[in-house]
C-alpha atoms as a PDB file:
ATOM      1  CA  MET A   1      34.860 -67.477  97.085  1.00  0.00           C
ATOM      2  CA  CYS A   2      31.139 -67.780  96.394  1.00  0.00           C
ATOM      3  CA  PRO A   3      29.076 -70.352  98.339  1.00  0.00           C
ATOM      4  CA  GLU A   4      27.669 -73.315  96.464  1.00  0.00           C
ATOM      5  CA  LEU A   5      24.113 -74.579  96.404  1.00  0.00           C
ATOM      6  CA  TYR A   6      22.973 -78.044  95.386  1.00  0.00           C
ATOM      7  CA  ASP A   7      19.411 -78.990  94.509  1.00  0.00           C
ATOM      8  CA  PHE A   8      17.568 -81.906  96.112  1.00  0.00           C
ATOM      9  CA  THR A   9      19.093 -84.331  93.589  1.00  0.00           C
ATOM     10  CA  GLY A  10      22.628 -83.280  94.531  1.00  0.00           C
ATOM     11  CA  LYS A  11      23.255 -81.265  91.346  1.00  0.00           C
ATOM     12  CA  LEU A  12      25.243 -78.027  91.618  1.00  0.00           C
ATOM     13  CA  VAL A  13      23.086 -74.985  90.806  1.00  0.00           C
ATOM     14  CA  GLU A  14      25.081 -72.512  88.729  1.00  0.00           C
ATOM     15  CA  GLY A  15      24.805 -68.848  89.703  1.00  0.00           C
ATOM     16  CA  ALA A  16      22.510 -69.723  92.572  1.00  0.00           C
ATOM     17  CA  PHE A  17      23.469 -66.848  94.823  1.00  0.00           C
ATOM     18  CA  ASP A  18      23.406 -64.069  92.211  1.00  0.00           C
ATOM     19  CA  LEU A  19      21.183 -61.225  93.420  1.00  0.00           C
ATOM     20  CA  SER A  20      19.708 -58.634  91.108  1.00  0.00           C
ATOM     21  CA  ASP A  21      21.766 -55.425  91.103  1.00  0.00           C
ATOM     22  CA  GLU A  22      18.610 -53.539  90.191  1.00  0.00           C
ATOM     23  CA  MET A  23      16.804 -54.902  93.245  1.00  0.00           C
ATOM     24  CA  LEU A  24      19.698 -54.074  95.579  1.00  0.00           C
ATOM     25  CA  ASP A  25      19.869 -50.567  94.133  1.00  0.00           C
ATOM     26  CA  VAL A  26      16.147 -50.011  94.688  1.00  0.00           C
ATOM     27  CA  ILE A  27      16.416 -51.118  98.311  1.00  0.00           C
ATOM     28  CA  SER A  28      19.475 -49.018  99.120  1.00  0.00           C
ATOM     29  CA  LYS A  29      17.858 -45.909  97.616  1.00  0.00           C
ATOM     30  CA  GLU A  30      14.519 -46.374  99.363  1.00  0.00           C
ATOM     31  CA  PHE A  31      16.129 -47.100 102.732  1.00  0.00           C
ATOM     32  CA  ASN A  32      18.890 -44.567 103.273  1.00  0.00           C
ATOM     33  CA  VAL A  33      21.006 -45.318 106.353  1.00  0.00           C
ATOM     34  CA  GLU A  34      22.613 -41.868 106.503  1.00  0.00           C
ATOM     35  CA  LYS A  35      19.261 -40.075 106.327  1.00  0.00           C
ATOM     36  CA  LEU A  36      17.846 -42.281 109.082  1.00  0.00           C
ATOM     37  CA  THR A  37      20.862 -41.565 111.269  1.00  0.00           C
ATOM     38  CA  GLU A  38      20.608 -37.802 110.759  1.00  0.00           C
ATOM     39  CA  THR A  39      16.932 -37.858 111.745  1.00  0.00           C
ATOM     40  CA  PHE A  40      17.750 -39.970 114.791  1.00  0.00           C
ATOM     41  CA  ALA A  41      20.583 -37.626 115.798  1.00  0.00           C
ATOM     42  CA  GLN A  42      18.226 -34.651 115.688  1.00  0.00           C
ATOM     43  CA  SER A  43      15.613 -36.533 117.716  1.00  0.00           C
ATOM     44  CA  ILE A  44      17.915 -37.317 120.664  1.00  0.00           C
ATOM     45  CA  VAL A  45      19.396 -33.870 121.271  1.00  0.00           C
ATOM     46  CA  ASN A  46      19.434 -33.211 125.052  1.00  0.00           C
ATOM     47  CA  LYS A  47      17.673 -36.535 125.704  1.00  0.00           C
ATOM     48  CA  ALA A  48      18.488 -38.865 128.625  1.00  0.00           C
ATOM     49  CA  LYS A  49      19.803 -42.387 128.047  1.00  0.00           C
ATOM     50  CA  GLY A  50      16.404 -43.966 128.734  1.00  0.00           C
ATOM     51  CA  GLU A  51      14.693 -41.630 126.294  1.00  0.00           C
ATOM     52  CA  ILE A  52      17.301 -42.350 123.625  1.00  0.00           C
ATOM     53  CA  GLU A  53      16.627 -46.069 123.977  1.00  0.00           C
ATOM     54  CA  GLY A  54      12.898 -45.534 123.449  1.00  0.00           C
ATOM     55  CA  ILE A  55      13.408 -43.298 120.441  1.00  0.00           C
ATOM     56  CA  ALA A  56      15.851 -45.817 118.947  1.00  0.00           C
ATOM     57  CA  LYS A  57      13.455 -48.707 119.404  1.00  0.00           C
ATOM     58  CA  LYS A  58      10.699 -46.817 117.595  1.00  0.00           C
ATOM     59  CA  MET A  59      12.728 -45.276 114.767  1.00  0.00           C
ATOM     60  CA  TYR A  60      15.082 -48.146 113.986  1.00  0.00           C
ATOM     61  CA  GLY A  61      12.372 -50.699 114.692  1.00  0.00           C
ATOM     62  CA  GLU A  62      10.025 -49.158 112.137  1.00  0.00           C
ATOM     63  CA  PHE A  63      12.883 -48.817 109.653  1.00  0.00           C
ATOM     64  CA  GLY A  64      13.793 -52.499 109.981  1.00  0.00           C
ATOM     65  CA  GLU A  65      10.204 -53.718 109.733  1.00  0.00           C
ATOM     66  CA  ASN A  66       9.483 -51.624 106.637  1.00  0.00           C
ATOM     67  CA  LEU A  67      12.800 -52.627 105.117  1.00  0.00           C
ATOM     68  CA  MET A  68      12.047 -56.334 105.434  1.00  0.00           C
ATOM     69  CA  LYS A  69       8.503 -55.849 104.155  1.00  0.00           C
ATOM     70  CA  ARG A  70       9.918 -54.275 101.007  1.00  0.00           C
ATOM     71  CA  ILE A  71      12.624 -56.926 100.674  1.00  0.00           C
ATOM     72  CA  ILE A  72      10.057 -59.724 100.778  1.00  0.00           C
ATOM     73  CA  GLU A  73       8.079 -57.978  98.039  1.00  0.00           C
ATOM     74  CA  LEU A  74      11.122 -57.444  95.824  1.00  0.00           C
ATOM     75  CA  GLY A  75      12.670 -60.808  96.695  1.00  0.00           C
ATOM     76  CA  GLU A  76       9.658 -62.574  95.247  1.00  0.00           C
ATOM     77  CA  LYS A  77       9.703 -60.353  92.155  1.00  0.00           C
ATOM     78  CA  TYR A  78      13.449 -60.637  91.492  1.00  0.00           C
ATOM     79  CA  THR A  79      13.640 -64.321  92.350  1.00  0.00           C
ATOM     80  CA  THR A  80      16.922 -66.257  92.254  1.00  0.00           C
ATOM     81  CA  ARG A  81      17.824 -69.874  91.674  1.00  0.00           C
ATOM     82  CA  THR A  82      18.517 -70.051  95.412  1.00  0.00           C
ATOM     83  CA  LEU A  83      14.906 -69.393  96.316  1.00  0.00           C
ATOM     84  CA  ASP A  84      13.554 -71.569  93.502  1.00  0.00           C
ATOM     85  CA  VAL A  85      15.696 -74.554  94.479  1.00  0.00           C
ATOM     86  CA  VAL A  86      14.932 -74.205  98.186  1.00  0.00           C
ATOM     87  CA  LYS A  87      11.202 -74.020  97.525  1.00  0.00           C
ATOM     88  CA  GLU A  88      11.396 -77.034  95.221  1.00  0.00           C
ATOM     89  CA  ALA A  89      13.305 -79.018  97.830  1.00  0.00           C
ATOM     90  CA  ALA A  90      10.856 -77.978 100.559  1.00  0.00           C
ATOM     91  CA  GLU A  91       7.887 -79.105  98.483  1.00  0.00           C
ATOM     92  CA  LYS A  92       9.450 -82.484  97.684  1.00  0.00           C
ATOM     93  CA  THR A  93      10.936 -83.264 101.092  1.00  0.00           C
ATOM     94  CA  ARG A  94       8.923 -81.076 103.486  1.00  0.00           C
ATOM     95  CA  ARG A  95      12.263 -79.857 104.806  1.00  0.00           C
ATOM     96  CA  TYR A  96      14.756 -77.059 104.209  1.00  0.00           C
ATOM     97  CA  THR A  97      12.340 -74.124 104.489  1.00  0.00           C
ATOM     98  CA  PHE A  98      14.181 -73.247 107.681  1.00  0.00           C
ATOM     99  CA  PRO A  99      16.876 -71.993 107.602  1.00  0.00           C
ATOM    100  CA  HIS A 100      17.324 -71.548 103.846  1.00  0.00           C
ATOM    101  CA  VAL A 101      14.326 -69.366 102.970  1.00  0.00           C
ATOM    102  CA  PRO A 102      14.892 -66.816 105.775  1.00  0.00           C
ATOM    103  CA  GLN A 103      18.614 -66.821 105.012  1.00  0.00           C
ATOM    104  CA  HIS A 104      17.826 -65.875 101.408  1.00  0.00           C
ATOM    105  CA  PHE A 105      15.952 -62.734 102.468  1.00  0.00           C
ATOM    106  CA  LEU A 106      18.602 -61.844 105.045  1.00  0.00           C
ATOM    107  CA  GLU A 107      21.214 -62.120 102.291  1.00  0.00           C
ATOM    108  CA  ILE A 108      19.233 -59.569 100.286  1.00  0.00           C
ATOM    109  CA  MET A 109      18.885 -57.216 103.238  1.00  0.00           C
ATOM    110  CA  TYR A 110      22.497 -57.123 104.303  1.00  0.00           C
ATOM    111  CA  THR A 111      23.899 -57.085 100.787  1.00  0.00           C
ATOM    112  CA  ALA A 112      21.706 -54.077 100.007  1.00  0.00           C
ATOM    113  CA  MET A 113      22.634 -52.285 103.233  1.00  0.00           C
ATOM    114  CA  GLU A 114      26.334 -53.199 103.031  1.00  0.00           C
ATOM    115  CA  PRO A 115      27.471 -52.810  99.384  1.00  0.00           C
ATOM    116  CA  ALA A 116      30.964 -54.130 100.175  1.00  0.00           C
ATOM    117  CA  LEU A 117      29.529 -57.373 101.570  1.00  0.00           C
ATOM    118  CA  ALA A 118      30.088 -60.325  99.224  1.00  0.00           C
ATOM    119  CA  ALA A 119      27.906 -62.749 101.199  1.00  0.00           C
ATOM    120  CA  LEU A 120      26.298 -63.057 104.603  1.00  0.00           C
ATOM    121  CA  TYR A 121      28.689 -64.488 107.207  1.00  0.00           C
ATOM    122  CA  VAL A 122      26.736 -67.556 108.344  1.00  0.00           C
ATOM    123  CA  VAL A 123      28.084 -69.104 111.539  1.00  0.00           C
ATOM    124  CA  GLU A 124      25.571 -71.931 111.780  1.00  0.00           C
ATOM    125  CA  ASN A 125      22.888 -73.063 109.382  1.00  0.00           C
ATOM    126  CA  ASN A 126      20.792 -76.140 110.105  1.00  0.00           C
ATOM    127  CA  ALA A 127      17.256 -77.211 110.987  1.00  0.00           C
ATOM    128  CA  TRP A 128      17.755 -76.005 114.565  1.00  0.00           C
ATOM    129  CA  ASN A 129      19.553 -72.684 114.257  1.00  0.00           C
ATOM    130  CA  LEU A 130      20.367 -69.887 111.859  1.00  0.00           C
ATOM    131  CA  ILE A 131      23.246 -67.843 113.231  1.00  0.00           C
ATOM    132  CA  PHE A 132      24.973 -65.052 111.335  1.00  0.00           C
ATOM    133  CA  ARG A 133      27.349 -62.231 112.159  1.00  0.00           C
ATOM    134  CA  MET A 134      28.249 -58.831 110.778  1.00  0.00           C
ATOM    135  CA  ASP A 135      31.849 -57.644 111.015  1.00  0.00           C
ATOM    136  CA  THR A 136      31.098 -54.232 109.482  1.00  0.00           C
ATOM    137  CA  CYS A 137      27.987 -52.095 109.791  1.00  0.00           C
ATOM    138  CA  ARG A 138      27.008 -48.868 108.041  1.00  0.00           C
ATOM    139  CA  PHE A 139      24.382 -48.232 110.723  1.00  0.00           C
ATOM    140  CA  PHE A 140      26.942 -48.365 113.529  1.00  0.00           C
ATOM    141  CA  ASP A 141      29.552 -46.339 111.622  1.00  0.00           C
ATOM    142  CA  ALA A 142      26.965 -43.660 110.823  1.00  0.00           C
ATOM    143  CA  LEU A 143      25.936 -43.515 114.484  1.00  0.00           C
ATOM    144  CA  LYS A 144      29.535 -42.929 115.582  1.00  0.00           C
ATOM    145  CA  GLU A 145      29.909 -40.163 113.033  1.00  0.00           C
ATOM    146  CA  LYS A 146      26.587 -38.383 113.616  1.00  0.00           C
ATOM    147  CA  CYS A 147      25.871 -39.118 117.286  1.00  0.00           C
ATOM    148  CA  GLY A 148      29.256 -39.817 118.861  1.00  0.00           C
ATOM    149  CA  GLU A 149      30.835 -42.813 120.581  1.00  0.00           C
ATOM    150  CA  GLU A 150      28.665 -42.629 123.697  1.00  0.00           C
ATOM    151  CA  VAL A 151      25.401 -43.008 121.790  1.00  0.00           C
ATOM    152  CA  ALA A 152      26.906 -45.570 119.393  1.00  0.00           C
ATOM    153  CA  ARG A 153      27.870 -47.766 122.375  1.00  0.00           C
ATOM    154  CA  LEU A 154      24.145 -48.162 123.086  1.00  0.00           C
ATOM    155  CA  VAL A 155      23.888 -49.859 119.665  1.00  0.00           C
ATOM    156  CA  PRO A 156      20.494 -48.308 118.877  1.00  0.00           C
ATOM    157  CA  CYS A 157      20.701 -49.765 115.371  1.00  0.00           C
ATOM    158  CA  LYS A 158      20.176 -53.262 116.799  1.00  0.00           C
ATOM    159  CA  TYR A 159      16.456 -52.583 116.684  1.00  0.00           C
ATOM    160  CA  ALA A 160      16.574 -52.384 112.892  1.00  0.00           C
ATOM    161  CA  CYS A 161      18.113 -55.849 112.604  1.00  0.00           C
ATOM    162  CA  LEU A 162      15.887 -57.413 115.249  1.00  0.00           C
ATOM    163  CA  SER A 163      12.646 -55.923 113.929  1.00  0.00           C
ATOM    164  CA  ALA A 164      13.556 -56.930 110.368  1.00  0.00           C
ATOM    165  CA  SER A 165      14.047 -60.523 111.506  1.00  0.00           C
ATOM    166  CA  GLU A 166      10.822 -60.469 113.518  1.00  0.00           C
ATOM    167  CA  LYS A 167       8.938 -59.270 110.439  1.00  0.00           C
ATOM    168  CA  LEU A 168      10.585 -61.917 108.262  1.00  0.00           C
ATOM    169  CA  TYR A 169       9.769 -64.891 110.471  1.00  0.00           C
ATOM    170  CA  LYS A 170       6.258 -63.620 111.144  1.00  0.00           C
ATOM    171  CA  ASP A 171       5.541 -63.367 107.417  1.00  0.00           C
ATOM    172  CA  LEU A 172       7.050 -66.815 106.825  1.00  0.00           C
ATOM    173  CA  ASN A 173       4.885 -68.194 109.651  1.00  0.00           C
ATOM    174  CA  MET A 174       7.946 -69.595 111.424  1.00  0.00           C
ATOM    175  CA  LYS A 175       8.150 -69.760 115.199  1.00  0.00           C
ATOM    176  CA  VAL A 176      11.646 -68.834 116.306  1.00  0.00           C
ATOM    177  CA  LYS A 177      13.425 -67.411 119.329  1.00  0.00           C
ATOM    178  CA  LEU A 178      15.557 -64.444 118.305  1.00  0.00           C
ATOM    179  CA  SER A 179      18.595 -63.243 120.192  1.00  0.00           C
ATOM    180  CA  MET A 180      21.502 -60.868 119.730  1.00  0.00           C
ATOM    181  CA  ASP A 181      24.599 -62.653 120.990  1.00  0.00           C
ATOM    182  CA  ALA A 182      27.296 -60.051 120.283  1.00  0.00           C
ATOM    183  CA  SER A 183      27.456 -56.337 119.478  1.00  0.00           C
ATOM    184  CA  MET A 184      29.806 -53.980 117.678  1.00  0.00           C
ATOM    185  CA  ALA A 185      30.272 -51.936 120.843  1.00  0.00           C
ATOM    186  CA  LYS A 186      31.364 -54.825 123.070  1.00  0.00           C
ATOM    187  CA  ASP A 187      32.675 -57.475 120.693  1.00  0.00           C
ATOM    188  CA  GLY A 188      33.622 -55.667 117.500  1.00  0.00           C
ATOM    189  CA  TYR A 189      30.906 -57.478 115.537  1.00  0.00           C
ATOM    190  CA  CYS A 190      27.193 -58.220 115.796  1.00  0.00           C
ATOM    191  CA  GLN A 191      25.816 -61.745 115.906  1.00  0.00           C
ATOM    192  CA  PHE A 192      22.201 -62.854 115.727  1.00  0.00           C
ATOM    193  CA  THR A 193      20.570 -66.223 116.352  1.00  0.00           C
ATOM    194  CA  ALA A 194      17.192 -67.573 115.273  1.00  0.00           C
ATOM    195  CA  LYS A 195      16.363 -70.782 117.124  1.00  0.00           C
ATOM    196  CA  ASN A 196      13.762 -72.901 115.330  1.00  0.00           C
ATOM    197  CA  LEU A 197      11.076 -73.656 117.923  1.00  0.00           C
ATOM    198  CA  ALA A 198       9.459 -76.210 115.603  1.00  0.00           C
ATOM    199  CA  MET A 199      12.343 -78.605 116.327  1.00  0.00           C
ATOM    200  CA  LYS A 200      11.266 -80.396 119.470  1.00  0.00           C
ATOM    201  CA  LYS A 201      14.200 -82.810 119.606  1.00  0.00           C
ATOM    202  CA  PRO A 202      17.602 -81.449 120.696  1.00  0.00           C
ATOM    203  CA  MET A 203      20.209 -80.890 118.018  1.00  0.00           C
ATOM    204  CA  PRO A 204      22.413 -83.991 117.513  1.00  0.00           C
ATOM    205  CA  THR A 205      25.971 -83.609 118.716  1.00  0.00           C
ATOM    206  CA  SER A 206      27.588 -85.846 116.107  1.00  0.00           C
ATOM    207  CA  LEU A 207      27.588 -85.799 112.303  1.00  0.00           C
ATOM    208  CA  PRO A 208      26.207 -89.363 111.900  1.00  0.00           C
ATOM    209  CA  GLU A 209      23.230 -88.455 114.081  1.00  0.00           C
ATOM    210  CA  ARG A 210      22.542 -85.374 111.976  1.00  0.00           C
ATOM    211  CA  LEU A 211      22.712 -87.340 108.756  1.00  0.00           C
ATOM    212  CA  GLU A 212      20.269 -89.914 110.105  1.00  0.00           C
ATOM    213  CA  ARG A 213      17.720 -87.184 110.720  1.00  0.00           C
END
């Protein structure tokens, strides 16, 4: 079932979450997961665990940063009603930029990288936190196939996701604290949190309190 988006007047926006197939195709072709993994596999032959970590941070980190840079460029070109409505709401209310704008670009990234993904699995989405999880991962699967279980358990691909998020929030001029709360190797899924540092007050614990704010 597709998520729904309402504009600032409360009206349902039809087709809000439709992403351009052309855009997703461009991204997936320019940023090939299998090719990256093969290059990484060749780079870590006979390398110690510490060296592998350093190589992973550089290779996957650069991949993630460049990936998000390209996504931001294409995301603005192939705009959706999601982004338009969020920007309109932000301009009128001075709210909603976080978490909705970064979520939009993350939706593009993971939909392009994971063709079978219908929508990003968002665990929490509010003015304080944006938390999402991935139950499947082409990066991790490719690592198991090309590098073996031992290397895959290091989850070197985490640097792609973390660096992509760092690039995104930097370009959006948002101060957040990023963390990886779960990994494929230990938990069977990956989960990432972006904590909005602009929110000085603690998150309300009850729904009425949230609505008041």
